[in-house]
Amino acid sequence: MSDPILDLPLLSETDRSWAEIASARLDLFLADHAGCEQQAALAALSLADRYLDDADLVDRLTSLAMEEIVHFRRVGAVLRSRSIYAGRKRSNPWVQALLKNIKDRREPHHKVDRLLVGALIEARSCERFTRLMEVTDDAEVKELLADLGPAEARHWRMFYDLAARELPQEDLRIRWQAWLEFERDLTAGGGRLPTVHG
């Protein structure tokens, strides 16, 4: 998929039916969205901690973590204004499946795969936000997604650019294509839950 507006690398589009499901249960979508923002901040800090010798990566990922915390607070404010209790952090089987597919422990391949997974998560989140904006009539949620969607687009590019430093261009292209195909096949089994990656 190459949306001329989003310019995302994804190989598939989310079906409109998912957006309709999420629009009908914005309480669950927003609660899950808050958890995703929190986990994104934690994941960025974890990756920065693992590669403390990479000053560029540490600088970019700690900045990303701060931005994700701002997003978490913003979604939390929307939840509170609607008297929605987010509850305990939900598991994200889609993200877990991506992480489980990282099998190469050699460096720099492990580092590249972690970064490419980050790029996929951000790209799919951006795509889902856009699909939901097309369906929902909720002005506050539309404004939220319109603000946060472009941030997700920036984030996937940042992860990809960090990975691109580590491998020759052709090696990266082959690895990225394999991840894109894996994500496409993984996502094909979803689209039924009112969660960001459901």
C-alpha atoms as a PDB file:
ATOM      1  CA  MET A   1       0.000   0.000   0.000  1.00  0.00           C
ATOM      2  CA  SER A   2       1.276   3.476  -0.780  1.00  0.00           C
ATOM      3  CA  ASP A   3      -1.240   6.087   0.279  1.00  0.00           C
ATOM      4  CA  PRO A   4      -0.347   9.367  -1.456  1.00  0.00           C
ATOM      5  CA  ILE A   5      -1.278  11.283   1.691  1.00  0.00           C
ATOM      6  CA  LEU A   6       0.295   9.069   4.311  1.00  0.00           C
ATOM      7  CA  ASP A   7       3.084   7.637   2.141  1.00  0.00           C
ATOM      8  CA  LEU A   8       3.076   4.500   4.256  1.00  0.00           C
ATOM      9  CA  PRO A   9       5.048   1.389   3.262  1.00  0.00           C
ATOM     10  CA  LEU A  10       2.347  -1.101   4.324  1.00  0.00           C
ATOM     11  CA  LEU A  11       1.272  -3.807   1.879  1.00  0.00           C
ATOM     12  CA  SER A  12      -2.379  -3.919   2.945  1.00  0.00           C
ATOM     13  CA  GLU A  13      -5.148  -1.562   3.962  1.00  0.00           C
ATOM     14  CA  THR A  14      -7.431  -1.949   6.938  1.00  0.00           C
ATOM     15  CA  ASP A  15     -10.964  -2.765   5.889  1.00  0.00           C
ATOM     16  CA  ARG A  16     -13.625  -0.152   6.571  1.00  0.00           C
ATOM     17  CA  SER A  17     -15.437  -2.695   8.746  1.00  0.00           C
ATOM     18  CA  TRP A  18     -12.723  -2.364  11.417  1.00  0.00           C
ATOM     19  CA  ALA A  19     -13.210   1.411  11.501  1.00  0.00           C
ATOM     20  CA  GLU A  20     -16.956   0.936  11.920  1.00  0.00           C
ATOM     21  CA  ILE A  21     -16.378  -1.499  14.801  1.00  0.00           C
ATOM     22  CA  ALA A  22     -13.945   0.903  16.488  1.00  0.00           C
ATOM     23  CA  SER A  23     -16.248   3.887  15.906  1.00  0.00           C
ATOM     24  CA  ALA A  24     -19.095   2.039  17.607  1.00  0.00           C
ATOM     25  CA  ARG A  25     -16.897   1.330  20.657  1.00  0.00           C
ATOM     26  CA  LEU A  26     -14.785   4.436  21.052  1.00  0.00           C
ATOM     27  CA  ASP A  27     -14.563   3.783  24.795  1.00  0.00           C
ATOM     28  CA  LEU A  28     -12.591   0.599  24.137  1.00  0.00           C
ATOM     29  CA  PHE A  29     -10.597   2.138  21.318  1.00  0.00           C
ATOM     30  CA  LEU A  30      -9.522   5.108  23.430  1.00  0.00           C
ATOM     31  CA  ALA A  31      -8.625   2.946  26.434  1.00  0.00           C
ATOM     32  CA  ASP A  32      -6.527   0.705  24.203  1.00  0.00           C
ATOM     33  CA  HIS A  33      -4.994   3.731  22.487  1.00  0.00           C
ATOM     34  CA  ALA A  34      -3.831   5.068  25.853  1.00  0.00           C
ATOM     35  CA  GLY A  35      -2.175   1.734  26.589  1.00  0.00           C
ATOM     36  CA  CYS A  36      -0.475   1.753  23.190  1.00  0.00           C
ATOM     37  CA  GLU A  37       0.989   5.195  23.809  1.00  0.00           C
ATOM     38  CA  GLN A  38       2.266   4.102  27.209  1.00  0.00           C
ATOM     39  CA  GLN A  39       3.823   0.952  25.785  1.00  0.00           C
ATOM     40  CA  ALA A  40       5.412   2.914  22.940  1.00  0.00           C
ATOM     41  CA  ALA A  41       7.174   5.140  25.475  1.00  0.00           C
ATOM     42  CA  LEU A  42       8.370   2.152  27.491  1.00  0.00           C
ATOM     43  CA  ALA A  43       9.544   0.287  24.387  1.00  0.00           C
ATOM     44  CA  ALA A  44      11.523   3.304  23.171  1.00  0.00           C
ATOM     45  CA  LEU A  45      13.247   3.641  26.544  1.00  0.00           C
ATOM     46  CA  SER A  46      13.984  -0.093  26.661  1.00  0.00           C
ATOM     47  CA  LEU A  47      15.574   0.002  23.222  1.00  0.00           C
ATOM     48  CA  ALA A  48      17.604   3.089  24.124  1.00  0.00           C
ATOM     49  CA  ASP A  49      18.826   1.331  27.265  1.00  0.00           C
ATOM     50  CA  ARG A  50      19.891  -1.730  25.270  1.00  0.00           C
ATOM     51  CA  TYR A  51      22.008   0.345  22.879  1.00  0.00           C
ATOM     52  CA  LEU A  52      23.453   3.044  25.121  1.00  0.00           C
ATOM     53  CA  ASP A  53      26.607   3.144  23.004  1.00  0.00           C
ATOM     54  CA  ASP A  54      24.569   4.473  20.045  1.00  0.00           C
ATOM     55  CA  ALA A  55      24.237   8.169  20.891  1.00  0.00           C
ATOM     56  CA  ASP A  56      22.043   8.999  17.884  1.00  0.00           C
ATOM     57  CA  LEU A  57      19.617   6.191  18.683  1.00  0.00           C
ATOM     58  CA  VAL A  58      19.488   7.101  22.380  1.00  0.00           C
ATOM     59  CA  ASP A  59      18.832  10.758  21.580  1.00  0.00           C
ATOM     60  CA  ARG A  60      16.050  10.018  19.109  1.00  0.00           C
ATOM     61  CA  LEU A  61      14.344   7.314  21.143  1.00  0.00           C
ATOM     62  CA  THR A  62      14.357   9.242  24.403  1.00  0.00           C
ATOM     63  CA  SER A  63      12.810  12.187  22.538  1.00  0.00           C
ATOM     64  CA  LEU A  64      10.252   9.778  21.101  1.00  0.00           C
ATOM     65  CA  ALA A  65       9.475   8.427  24.569  1.00  0.00           C
ATOM     66  CA  MET A  66       8.789  11.944  25.837  1.00  0.00           C
ATOM     67  CA  GLU A  67       6.457  12.591  22.905  1.00  0.00           C
ATOM     68  CA  GLU A  68       4.615   9.315  23.510  1.00  0.00           C
ATOM     69  CA  ILE A  69       4.125  10.271  27.166  1.00  0.00           C
ATOM     70  CA  VAL A  70       2.555  13.555  26.036  1.00  0.00           C
ATOM     71  CA  HIS A  71       0.245  11.548  23.773  1.00  0.00           C
ATOM     72  CA  PHE A  72      -0.573   9.168  26.635  1.00  0.00           C
ATOM     73  CA  ARG A  73      -1.538  12.108  28.821  1.00  0.00           C
ATOM     74  CA  ARG A  74      -3.643  13.615  26.065  1.00  0.00           C
ATOM     75  CA  VAL A  75      -5.596  10.411  25.442  1.00  0.00           C
ATOM     76  CA  GLY A  76      -5.936  10.014  29.217  1.00  0.00           C
ATOM     77  CA  ALA A  77      -7.512  13.459  29.444  1.00  0.00           C
ATOM     78  CA  VAL A  78     -10.088  12.475  26.820  1.00  0.00           C
ATOM     79  CA  LEU A  79     -10.847   9.293  28.767  1.00  0.00           C
ATOM     80  CA  ARG A  80     -11.323  11.227  32.005  1.00  0.00           C
ATOM     81  CA  SER A  81     -13.570  13.793  30.327  1.00  0.00           C
ATOM     82  CA  ARG A  82     -15.806  10.921  29.269  1.00  0.00           C
ATOM     83  CA  SER A  83     -15.639   9.132  32.631  1.00  0.00           C
ATOM     84  CA  ILE A  84     -14.025   6.128  30.959  1.00  0.00           C
ATOM     85  CA  TYR A  85     -11.873   3.948  33.178  1.00  0.00           C
ATOM     86  CA  ALA A  86      -9.032   2.545  31.103  1.00  0.00           C
ATOM     87  CA  GLY A  87      -8.551  -0.460  33.377  1.00  0.00           C
ATOM     88  CA  ARG A  88      -5.474  -2.636  33.438  1.00  0.00           C
ATOM     89  CA  LYS A  89      -3.057  -2.662  30.534  1.00  0.00           C
ATOM     90  CA  ARG A  90      -4.354  -4.982  27.833  1.00  0.00           C
ATOM     91  CA  SER A  91      -2.130  -7.416  26.006  1.00  0.00           C
ATOM     92  CA  ASN A  92      -1.549  -6.699  22.329  1.00  0.00           C
ATOM     93  CA  PRO A  93      -1.344 -10.043  20.477  1.00  0.00           C
ATOM     94  CA  TRP A  94      -0.484  -8.299  17.206  1.00  0.00           C
ATOM     95  CA  VAL A  95       2.565  -6.563  18.671  1.00  0.00           C
ATOM     96  CA  GLN A  96       3.525  -9.718  20.566  1.00  0.00           C
ATOM     97  CA  ALA A  97       3.455 -11.702  17.305  1.00  0.00           C
ATOM     98  CA  LEU A  98       5.738  -9.146  15.641  1.00  0.00           C
ATOM     99  CA  LEU A  99       8.217  -9.302  18.514  1.00  0.00           C
ATOM    100  CA  LYS A 100       8.098 -13.102  18.596  1.00  0.00           C
ATOM    101  CA  ASN A 101       9.121 -13.122  14.933  1.00  0.00           C
ATOM    102  CA  ILE A 102      12.471 -11.522  15.834  1.00  0.00           C
ATOM    103  CA  LYS A 103      14.616 -14.647  15.778  1.00  0.00           C
ATOM    104  CA  ASP A 104      18.049 -13.381  14.746  1.00  0.00           C
ATOM    105  CA  ARG A 105      20.041 -12.556  17.888  1.00  0.00           C
ATOM    106  CA  ARG A 106      23.206 -11.562  16.031  1.00  0.00           C
ATOM    107  CA  GLU A 107      24.066  -7.894  15.883  1.00  0.00           C
ATOM    108  CA  PRO A 108      23.400  -5.676  14.093  1.00  0.00           C
ATOM    109  CA  HIS A 109      20.548  -7.842  12.788  1.00  0.00           C
ATOM    110  CA  HIS A 110      18.711  -7.996  16.110  1.00  0.00           C
ATOM    111  CA  LYS A 111      18.922  -4.233  16.456  1.00  0.00           C
ATOM    112  CA  VAL A 112      17.669  -3.747  12.891  1.00  0.00           C
ATOM    113  CA  ASP A 113      14.741  -6.084  13.437  1.00  0.00           C
ATOM    114  CA  ARG A 114      13.722  -4.316  16.645  1.00  0.00           C
ATOM    115  CA  LEU A 115      13.788  -0.998  14.794  1.00  0.00           C
ATOM    116  CA  LEU A 116      11.857  -2.352  11.809  1.00  0.00           C
ATOM    117  CA  VAL A 117       9.188  -3.731  14.138  1.00  0.00           C
ATOM    118  CA  GLY A 118       8.946  -0.262  15.675  1.00  0.00           C
ATOM    119  CA  ALA A 119       8.490   1.169  12.188  1.00  0.00           C
ATOM    120  CA  LEU A 120       5.699  -1.311  11.426  1.00  0.00           C
ATOM    121  CA  ILE A 121       3.855  -0.563  14.661  1.00  0.00           C
ATOM    122  CA  GLU A 122       3.937   3.162  14.040  1.00  0.00           C
ATOM    123  CA  ALA A 123       2.973   2.831  10.376  1.00  0.00           C
ATOM    124  CA  ARG A 124      -0.006   0.566  11.098  1.00  0.00           C
ATOM    125  CA  SER A 125      -1.140   2.853  13.916  1.00  0.00           C
ATOM    126  CA  CYS A 126      -1.048   5.819  11.531  1.00  0.00           C
ATOM    127  CA  GLU A 127      -3.053   3.883   8.950  1.00  0.00           C
ATOM    128  CA  ARG A 128      -5.652   2.809  11.514  1.00  0.00           C
ATOM    129  CA  PHE A 129      -6.057   6.372  12.805  1.00  0.00           C
ATOM    130  CA  THR A 130      -6.701   7.541   9.255  1.00  0.00           C
ATOM    131  CA  ARG A 131      -9.289   4.818   8.621  1.00  0.00           C
ATOM    132  CA  LEU A 132     -11.132   5.633  11.837  1.00  0.00           C
ATOM    133  CA  MET A 133     -11.154   9.359  11.019  1.00  0.00           C
ATOM    134  CA  GLU A 134     -12.950   8.514   7.784  1.00  0.00           C
ATOM    135  CA  VAL A 135     -15.807   6.862   9.688  1.00  0.00           C
ATOM    136  CA  THR A 136     -16.289   8.462  13.092  1.00  0.00           C
ATOM    137  CA  ASP A 137     -18.581  11.426  13.672  1.00  0.00           C
ATOM    138  CA  ASP A 138     -16.985  12.168  17.040  1.00  0.00           C
ATOM    139  CA  ALA A 139     -15.359  15.592  16.594  1.00  0.00           C
ATOM    140  CA  GLU A 140     -13.067  15.274  19.622  1.00  0.00           C
ATOM    141  CA  VAL A 141     -11.738  11.889  18.534  1.00  0.00           C
ATOM    142  CA  LYS A 142     -11.290  13.141  14.971  1.00  0.00           C
ATOM    143  CA  GLU A 143      -9.227  16.071  16.233  1.00  0.00           C
ATOM    144  CA  LEU A 144      -7.150  13.762  18.425  1.00  0.00           C
ATOM    145  CA  LEU A 145      -6.414  11.381  15.569  1.00  0.00           C
ATOM    146  CA  ALA A 146      -5.709  14.216  13.141  1.00  0.00           C
ATOM    147  CA  ASP A 147      -3.049  15.487  15.537  1.00  0.00           C
ATOM    148  CA  LEU A 148      -1.511  12.144  16.470  1.00  0.00           C
ATOM    149  CA  GLY A 149      -1.631  10.467  13.052  1.00  0.00           C
ATOM    150  CA  PRO A 150       1.130  12.607  11.508  1.00  0.00           C
ATOM    151  CA  ALA A 151       3.290  11.899  14.578  1.00  0.00           C
ATOM    152  CA  GLU A 152       2.945   8.162  13.914  1.00  0.00           C
ATOM    153  CA  ALA A 153       4.025   8.794  10.308  1.00  0.00           C
ATOM    154  CA  ARG A 154       7.130  10.633  11.516  1.00  0.00           C
ATOM    155  CA  HIS A 155       7.866   7.872  13.986  1.00  0.00           C
ATOM    156  CA  TRP A 156       7.853   5.014  11.486  1.00  0.00           C
ATOM    157  CA  ARG A 157      10.300   6.938   9.317  1.00  0.00           C
ATOM    158  CA  MET A 158      12.559   7.591  12.302  1.00  0.00           C
ATOM    159  CA  PHE A 159      12.685   3.888  13.190  1.00  0.00           C
ATOM    160  CA  TYR A 160      13.367   2.957   9.582  1.00  0.00           C
ATOM    161  CA  ASP A 161      16.105   5.596   9.235  1.00  0.00           C
ATOM    162  CA  LEU A 162      17.804   4.305  12.380  1.00  0.00           C
ATOM    163  CA  ALA A 163      17.743   0.775  10.972  1.00  0.00           C
ATOM    164  CA  ALA A 164      19.080   1.992   7.624  1.00  0.00           C
ATOM    165  CA  ARG A 165      22.357   3.042   9.257  1.00  0.00           C
ATOM    166  CA  GLU A 166      23.143  -0.539  10.224  1.00  0.00           C
ATOM    167  CA  LEU A 167      23.044  -2.582   7.000  1.00  0.00           C
ATOM    168  CA  PRO A 168      23.939  -2.195   3.332  1.00  0.00           C
ATOM    169  CA  GLN A 169      20.994  -0.839   1.352  1.00  0.00           C
ATOM    170  CA  GLU A 170      20.167  -4.085  -0.474  1.00  0.00           C
ATOM    171  CA  ASP A 171      20.388  -6.177   2.698  1.00  0.00           C
ATOM    172  CA  LEU A 172      18.032  -3.759   4.428  1.00  0.00           C
ATOM    173  CA  ARG A 173      15.619  -3.787   1.481  1.00  0.00           C
ATOM    174  CA  ILE A 174      15.361  -7.588   1.568  1.00  0.00           C
ATOM    175  CA  ARG A 175      14.903  -7.658   5.329  1.00  0.00           C
ATOM    176  CA  TRP A 176      12.305  -4.864   5.269  1.00  0.00           C
ATOM    177  CA  GLN A 177      10.340  -6.593   2.505  1.00  0.00           C
ATOM    178  CA  ALA A 178      10.190  -9.780   4.578  1.00  0.00           C
ATOM    179  CA  TRP A 179       8.878  -7.811   7.555  1.00  0.00           C
ATOM    180  CA  LEU A 180       6.293  -6.013   5.418  1.00  0.00           C
ATOM    181  CA  GLU A 181       5.000  -9.340   4.126  1.00  0.00           C
ATOM    182  CA  PHE A 182       4.889 -10.804   7.619  1.00  0.00           C
ATOM    183  CA  GLU A 183       2.954  -7.790   8.899  1.00  0.00           C
ATOM    184  CA  ARG A 184       0.522  -7.970   5.973  1.00  0.00           C
ATOM    185  CA  ASP A 185      -0.233 -11.633   6.666  1.00  0.00           C
ATOM    186  CA  LEU A 186      -0.492 -11.037  10.414  1.00  0.00           C
ATOM    187  CA  THR A 187      -2.869  -8.111   9.976  1.00  0.00           C
ATOM    188  CA  ALA A 188      -5.073 -10.090   7.581  1.00  0.00           C
ATOM    189  CA  GLY A 189      -6.240 -12.148  10.568  1.00  0.00           C
ATOM    190  CA  GLY A 190      -7.400  -9.074  12.497  1.00  0.00           C
ATOM    191  CA  GLY A 191      -9.727  -6.174  11.983  1.00  0.00           C
ATOM    192  CA  ARG A 192     -12.445  -7.527  14.239  1.00  0.00           C
ATOM    193  CA  LEU A 193     -11.770  -5.810  17.555  1.00  0.00           C
ATOM    194  CA  PRO A 194     -12.237  -2.094  18.461  1.00  0.00           C
ATOM    195  CA  THR A 195      -8.586  -1.748  19.427  1.00  0.00           C
ATOM    196  CA  VAL A 196      -5.766   0.060  17.630  1.00  0.00           C
ATOM    197  CA  HIS A 197      -4.268  -3.172  16.287  1.00  0.00           C
ATOM    198  CA  GLY A 198      -7.259  -5.473  16.841  1.00  0.00           C
END
